[in-house]
Protein backbone atom coordinates (compact mmCIF):
# COMPACT_ATOMS: atom_id res chain seq x y z
CA MET A 1 113.99 118.05 30.84
CA LEU A 2 114.54 119.02 27.20
CA GLU A 3 118.29 119.29 27.72
CA PHE A 4 118.33 115.92 29.46
CA CYS A 5 116.54 114.34 26.48
CA LYS A 6 119.08 115.86 24.10
CA THR A 7 121.93 114.46 26.18
CA VAL A 8 120.43 110.98 26.17
CA LEU A 9 119.84 111.09 22.41
CA LYS A 10 123.43 112.19 21.82
CA ARG A 11 124.69 109.24 23.85
CA VAL A 12 122.60 106.63 22.03
CA SER A 13 122.85 108.09 18.53
CA PHE A 14 125.25 105.34 17.48
CA ASP A 15 122.43 102.76 17.57
CA ARG A 16 119.28 103.25 15.49
CA ARG A 17 117.10 101.05 17.74
CA LEU A 18 118.18 102.78 20.95
CA PHE A 19 117.79 106.19 19.35
CA ALA A 20 114.22 105.38 18.27
CA ARG A 21 113.28 104.08 21.71
CA GLU A 22 114.75 107.05 23.57
CA LEU A 23 113.21 109.52 21.14
CA ALA A 24 109.75 108.03 21.71
CA LYS A 25 110.25 108.12 25.48
CA SER A 26 111.40 111.71 25.29
CA PHE A 27 108.16 112.85 23.69
CA SER A 28 106.18 111.32 26.53
CA TRP A 29 108.08 113.41 29.10
CA LEU A 30 107.90 116.75 27.33
CA SER A 31 105.22 119.37 26.85
CA ASP A 32 104.00 119.98 23.31
CA ASP A 33 106.25 123.03 22.92
CA GLU A 34 109.30 121.15 24.19
CA ALA A 35 108.46 118.19 21.94
CA ALA A 36 108.36 120.49 18.93
CA ALA A 37 111.71 121.96 19.96
CA LEU A 38 113.15 118.45 20.36
CA LYS A 39 111.88 117.48 16.91
CA SER A 40 113.51 120.55 15.36
CA TRP A 41 116.76 119.92 17.20
CA ALA A 42 116.80 116.22 16.29
CA LEU A 43 116.17 116.97 12.62
CA ALA A 44 118.89 119.63 12.58
CA THR A 45 121.36 117.39 14.38
CA TYR A 46 120.61 113.93 12.95
CA SER A 47 118.93 114.55 9.60
CA ASN A 48 121.82 112.88 7.81
CA ARG A 49 121.08 109.56 9.58
CA TYR A 50 117.61 109.49 11.09
CA THR A 51 115.29 111.89 9.22
CA GLN A 52 112.57 109.34 8.48
CA LEU A 53 112.82 107.78 11.93
CA ILE A 54 112.39 111.17 13.62
CA LEU A 55 109.43 112.14 11.44
CA THR A 56 107.75 108.77 11.89
CA THR A 57 108.25 108.77 15.65
CA PHE A 58 106.91 112.29 15.99
CA ALA A 59 103.85 111.48 13.83
CA THR A 60 103.16 108.33 15.85
CA VAL A 61 103.42 110.17 19.15
CA GLN A 62 101.19 113.00 17.89
CA SER A 63 98.50 110.52 16.81
CA VAL A 64 98.58 108.79 20.21
CA LYS A 65 98.41 112.10 22.12
CA GLY A 66 95.80 113.62 19.83
């Protein structure tokens, strides 16, 4: 499922709103370990465009799950 989430994020990375929505959905499908891996991958891959969005989304998801 992690690889599928990466594929989806790659395909919607052109649009900030779509990227944010798909990133949030991805965290709901993944285990905590996979979510952490997705966060690391997303930051490594899209830090030039979406650093704050990724960090905010991850923090929001963590607070909802926690």
